[in-house]
Amino acid sequence: MSGVWVFKNGVVRLVENAGECHSKKMLVHVPSNEVIASYAMLERKLLDLGWERYYDDPDLLQFHKRSTVHLISLPKDFNKFKSIHMYDIVVKNRNEFEVRDV
């Protein structure tokens, strides 16, 4: 994984080096070893983990876990699902998901 982790305004994010060739990433559900290939698949896994779907913003897919302050916000279009979104899911669901190189 290339890039720099940046902490700004209480948020940690990965800033990838623009000049380097990056490998494509995929989100994997660790217990089943399944690659998350669609939002429908991801939603099923998140619901099983206690996440609830929010329908407030029509441009985003949002999930909230009642027992936490965590909110996962994803672009409505799965083609815009990037590594930054994947890492957000991984951090908020330890030992359930991981990001791997394709």
C-alpha atoms as a PDB file:
ATOM      1  CA  MET A   1       0.000   0.000   0.000  1.00  0.00           C
ATOM      2  CA  SER A   2       1.617   3.245  -1.059  1.00  0.00           C
ATOM      3  CA  GLY A   3       0.736   6.648   0.244  1.00  0.00           C
ATOM      4  CA  VAL A   4       0.722   8.657   3.405  1.00  0.00           C
ATOM      5  CA  TRP A   5      -1.726   8.499   6.285  1.00  0.00           C
ATOM      6  CA  VAL A   6      -2.880  12.049   7.067  1.00  0.00           C
ATOM      7  CA  PHE A   7      -4.597  13.092  10.288  1.00  0.00           C
ATOM      8  CA  LYS A   8      -6.632  16.283   9.826  1.00  0.00           C
ATOM      9  CA  ASN A   9      -9.599  17.624  11.817  1.00  0.00           C
ATOM     10  CA  GLY A  10      -9.911  14.372  13.756  1.00  0.00           C
ATOM     11  CA  VAL A  11     -10.028  12.189  10.625  1.00  0.00           C
ATOM     12  CA  VAL A  12      -7.337   9.788   9.395  1.00  0.00           C
ATOM     13  CA  ARG A  13      -7.227   9.140   5.665  1.00  0.00           C
ATOM     14  CA  LEU A  14      -4.837   7.625   3.173  1.00  0.00           C
ATOM     15  CA  VAL A  15      -3.462  10.037   0.583  1.00  0.00           C
ATOM     16  CA  GLU A  16      -2.067   7.988  -2.258  1.00  0.00           C
ATOM     17  CA  ASN A  17       0.979   9.165  -4.193  1.00  0.00           C
ATOM     18  CA  ALA A  18      -0.283  10.541  -7.496  1.00  0.00           C
ATOM     19  CA  GLY A  19       2.951   9.886  -9.364  1.00  0.00           C
ATOM     20  CA  GLU A  20       3.082   6.135  -8.778  1.00  0.00           C
ATOM     21  CA  CYS A  21       1.214   3.311 -10.483  1.00  0.00           C
ATOM     22  CA  HIS A  22      -1.268   1.895  -7.999  1.00  0.00           C
ATOM     23  CA  SER A  23      -2.620  -1.578  -7.858  1.00  0.00           C
ATOM     24  CA  LYS A  24      -6.355  -1.926  -7.820  1.00  0.00           C
ATOM     25  CA  LYS A  25      -7.917  -2.713  -4.441  1.00  0.00           C
ATOM     26  CA  MET A  26     -10.732  -4.991  -3.394  1.00  0.00           C
ATOM     27  CA  LEU A  27     -12.710  -5.294  -0.183  1.00  0.00           C
ATOM     28  CA  VAL A  28     -12.841  -8.799   1.272  1.00  0.00           C
ATOM     29  CA  HIS A  29     -15.166 -10.159   3.958  1.00  0.00           C
ATOM     30  CA  VAL A  30     -12.614 -12.079   6.043  1.00  0.00           C
ATOM     31  CA  PRO A  31     -14.812 -14.749   7.747  1.00  0.00           C
ATOM     32  CA  SER A  32     -16.219 -15.949   4.396  1.00  0.00           C
ATOM     33  CA  ASN A  33     -13.229 -14.887   2.243  1.00  0.00           C
ATOM     34  CA  GLU A  34     -15.717 -13.329  -0.216  1.00  0.00           C
ATOM     35  CA  VAL A  35     -14.791 -10.364  -2.389  1.00  0.00           C
ATOM     36  CA  ILE A  36     -17.397  -7.616  -2.037  1.00  0.00           C
ATOM     37  CA  ALA A  37     -18.536  -7.176  -5.637  1.00  0.00           C
ATOM     38  CA  SER A  38     -21.676  -5.082  -5.127  1.00  0.00           C
ATOM     39  CA  TYR A  39     -23.418  -2.839  -2.660  1.00  0.00           C
ATOM     40  CA  ALA A  40     -26.148  -5.471  -2.199  1.00  0.00           C
ATOM     41  CA  MET A  41     -23.496  -7.911  -1.003  1.00  0.00           C
ATOM     42  CA  LEU A  42     -21.896  -5.302   1.273  1.00  0.00           C
ATOM     43  CA  GLU A  43     -25.271  -4.297   2.705  1.00  0.00           C
ATOM     44  CA  ARG A  44     -26.074  -7.913   3.652  1.00  0.00           C
ATOM     45  CA  LYS A  45     -22.747  -8.242   5.484  1.00  0.00           C
ATOM     46  CA  LEU A  46     -23.160  -4.906   7.287  1.00  0.00           C
ATOM     47  CA  LEU A  47     -26.750  -5.674   8.323  1.00  0.00           C
ATOM     48  CA  ASP A  48     -25.555  -9.000   9.760  1.00  0.00           C
ATOM     49  CA  LEU A  49     -23.012  -7.041  11.831  1.00  0.00           C
ATOM     50  CA  GLY A  50     -25.694  -4.776  13.314  1.00  0.00           C
ATOM     51  CA  TRP A  51     -25.466  -1.808  10.937  1.00  0.00           C
ATOM     52  CA  GLU A  52     -28.674  -0.043   9.919  1.00  0.00           C
ATOM     53  CA  ARG A  53     -29.288   1.634   6.588  1.00  0.00           C
ATOM     54  CA  TYR A  54     -30.013   5.377   6.530  1.00  0.00           C
ATOM     55  CA  TYR A  55     -32.086   6.794   3.670  1.00  0.00           C
ATOM     56  CA  ASP A  56     -31.659  10.522   4.411  1.00  0.00           C
ATOM     57  CA  ASP A  57     -29.382  11.471   1.505  1.00  0.00           C
ATOM     58  CA  PRO A  58     -30.394  10.233  -1.969  1.00  0.00           C
ATOM     59  CA  ASP A  59     -26.817  10.673  -3.265  1.00  0.00           C
ATOM     60  CA  LEU A  60     -25.224   8.429  -0.638  1.00  0.00           C
ATOM     61  CA  LEU A  61     -25.511   4.958   0.791  1.00  0.00           C
ATOM     62  CA  GLN A  62     -25.243   5.384   4.559  1.00  0.00           C
ATOM     63  CA  PHE A  63     -25.054   2.924   7.420  1.00  0.00           C
ATOM     64  CA  HIS A  64     -25.105   3.571  11.166  1.00  0.00           C
ATOM     65  CA  LYS A  65     -24.378   1.226  14.022  1.00  0.00           C
ATOM     66  CA  ARG A  66     -26.725   1.965  16.894  1.00  0.00           C
ATOM     67  CA  SER A  67     -24.224   1.075  19.630  1.00  0.00           C
ATOM     68  CA  THR A  68     -21.588   3.512  18.266  1.00  0.00           C
ATOM     69  CA  VAL A  69     -21.206   6.981  16.778  1.00  0.00           C
ATOM     70  CA  HIS A  70     -19.886   5.464  13.541  1.00  0.00           C
ATOM     71  CA  LEU A  71     -21.424   6.361  10.199  1.00  0.00           C
ATOM     72  CA  ILE A  72     -20.356   4.804   6.903  1.00  0.00           C
ATOM     73  CA  SER A  73     -21.079   7.019   3.884  1.00  0.00           C
ATOM     74  CA  LEU A  74     -20.550   5.630   0.401  1.00  0.00           C
ATOM     75  CA  PRO A  75     -21.142   7.036  -3.078  1.00  0.00           C
ATOM     76  CA  LYS A  76     -24.412   5.763  -4.563  1.00  0.00           C
ATOM     77  CA  ASP A  77     -22.584   4.469  -7.659  1.00  0.00           C
ATOM     78  CA  PHE A  78     -20.518   1.322  -6.902  1.00  0.00           C
ATOM     79  CA  ASN A  79     -18.061   2.341  -9.665  1.00  0.00           C
ATOM     80  CA  LYS A  80     -17.061   5.290  -7.449  1.00  0.00           C
ATOM     81  CA  PHE A  81     -16.351   2.994  -4.483  1.00  0.00           C
ATOM     82  CA  LYS A  82     -12.656   3.697  -3.822  1.00  0.00           C
ATOM     83  CA  SER A  83      -9.995   2.453  -1.421  1.00  0.00           C
ATOM     84  CA  ILE A  84     -10.699   5.318   1.005  1.00  0.00           C
ATOM     85  CA  HIS A  85     -14.249   3.964   1.423  1.00  0.00           C
ATOM     86  CA  MET A  86     -12.917   0.424   1.833  1.00  0.00           C
ATOM     87  CA  TYR A  87     -10.514   1.459   4.586  1.00  0.00           C
ATOM     88  CA  ASP A  88     -13.332   3.310   6.358  1.00  0.00           C
ATOM     89  CA  ILE A  89     -15.321   0.062   6.453  1.00  0.00           C
ATOM     90  CA  VAL A  90     -12.272  -1.903   7.653  1.00  0.00           C
ATOM     91  CA  VAL A  91     -11.537   0.513  10.510  1.00  0.00           C
ATOM     92  CA  LYS A  92     -15.154   0.465  11.702  1.00  0.00           C
ATOM     93  CA  ASN A  93     -15.460  -3.341  11.462  1.00  0.00           C
ATOM     94  CA  ARG A  94     -12.253  -4.766  12.839  1.00  0.00           C
ATOM     95  CA  ASN A  95     -11.503  -8.409  11.943  1.00  0.00           C
ATOM     96  CA  GLU A  96     -14.477  -8.540   9.536  1.00  0.00           C
ATOM     97  CA  PHE A  97     -13.114  -6.890   6.384  1.00  0.00           C
ATOM     98  CA  GLU A  98      -9.741  -6.204   4.831  1.00  0.00           C
ATOM     99  CA  VAL A  99      -8.473  -4.437   1.733  1.00  0.00           C
ATOM    100  CA  ARG A 100      -6.337  -6.480  -0.633  1.00  0.00           C
ATOM    101  CA  ASP A 101      -4.548  -5.843  -3.903  1.00  0.00           C
ATOM    102  CA  VAL A 102      -6.300  -7.338  -6.935  1.00  0.00           C
END
